[in-house]
C-alpha atoms as a PDB file:
ATOM      1  CA  PRO A   1     -10.021  -6.274  -7.220  1.00  0.00           C
ATOM      2  CA  PHE A   2     -12.558  -4.210  -9.009  1.00  0.00           C
ATOM      3  CA  TYR A   3     -15.973  -3.438  -7.213  1.00  0.00           C
ATOM      4  CA  TYR A   4     -18.979  -2.374  -9.112  1.00  0.00           C
ATOM      5  CA  ALA A   5     -19.965   1.121  -8.172  1.00  0.00           C
ATOM      6  CA  GLU A   6     -23.295   2.131  -6.699  1.00  0.00           C
ATOM      7  CA  ASP A   7     -25.961   3.599  -9.234  1.00  0.00           C
ATOM      8  CA  ASP A   8     -25.175   7.125  -8.243  1.00  0.00           C
ATOM      9  CA  HIS A   9     -21.429   6.433  -9.014  1.00  0.00           C
ATOM     10  CA  GLN A  10     -22.343   4.865 -12.371  1.00  0.00           C
ATOM     11  CA  GLN A  11     -24.390   7.764 -13.402  1.00  0.00           C
ATOM     12  CA  TYR A  12     -21.695  10.133 -12.313  1.00  0.00           C
ATOM     13  CA  LEU A  13     -19.270   8.295 -14.627  1.00  0.00           C
ATOM     14  CA  TYR A  14     -21.863   8.783 -17.533  1.00  0.00           C
ATOM     15  CA  LYS A  15     -21.792  12.478 -16.828  1.00  0.00           C
ATOM     16  CA  ASN A  16     -17.982  12.580 -16.198  1.00  0.00           C
ATOM     17  CA  PRO A  17     -16.461  10.147 -18.697  1.00  0.00           C
ATOM     18  CA  HIS A  18     -12.965  11.056 -17.546  1.00  0.00           C
ATOM     19  CA  GLY A  19     -13.386   9.280 -14.248  1.00  0.00           C
ATOM     20  CA  TYR A  20     -13.665  10.745 -10.797  1.00  0.00           C
ATOM     21  CA  CYS A  21     -11.978  10.556  -7.375  1.00  0.00           C
ATOM     22  CA  GLY A  22     -13.025  10.213  -3.716  1.00  0.00           C
ATOM     23  CA  ILE A  23     -14.845   7.040  -3.749  1.00  0.00           C
ATOM     24  CA  GLY A  24     -16.114   6.601  -0.195  1.00  0.00           C
ATOM     25  CA  GLY A  25     -13.916   9.515   0.861  1.00  0.00           C
ATOM     26  CA  ILE A  26     -10.730   7.473   0.666  1.00  0.00           C
ATOM     27  CA  GLY A  27      -9.319   9.264  -2.413  1.00  0.00           C
ATOM     28  CA  VAL A  28      -9.443   6.454  -4.857  1.00  0.00           C
ATOM     29  CA  CYS A  29      -9.310   7.535  -8.495  1.00  0.00           C
ATOM     30  CA  LEU A  30     -10.879   5.786 -11.385  1.00  0.00           C
ATOM     31  CA  PRO A  31      -9.591   5.982 -14.949  1.00  0.00           C
ATOM     32  CA  PRO A  32     -12.050   6.463 -17.852  1.00  0.00           C
ATOM     33  CA  GLN A  33     -13.912   3.367 -18.531  1.00  0.00           C
END
């Protein structure tokens, strides 16, 4: 299932449109939205 990220994560995605890894330190990677 998909969980909405916290505001900091959303802003991170705006700054890094290619996605990012390490959500909650569990190494999950998100593809570009």
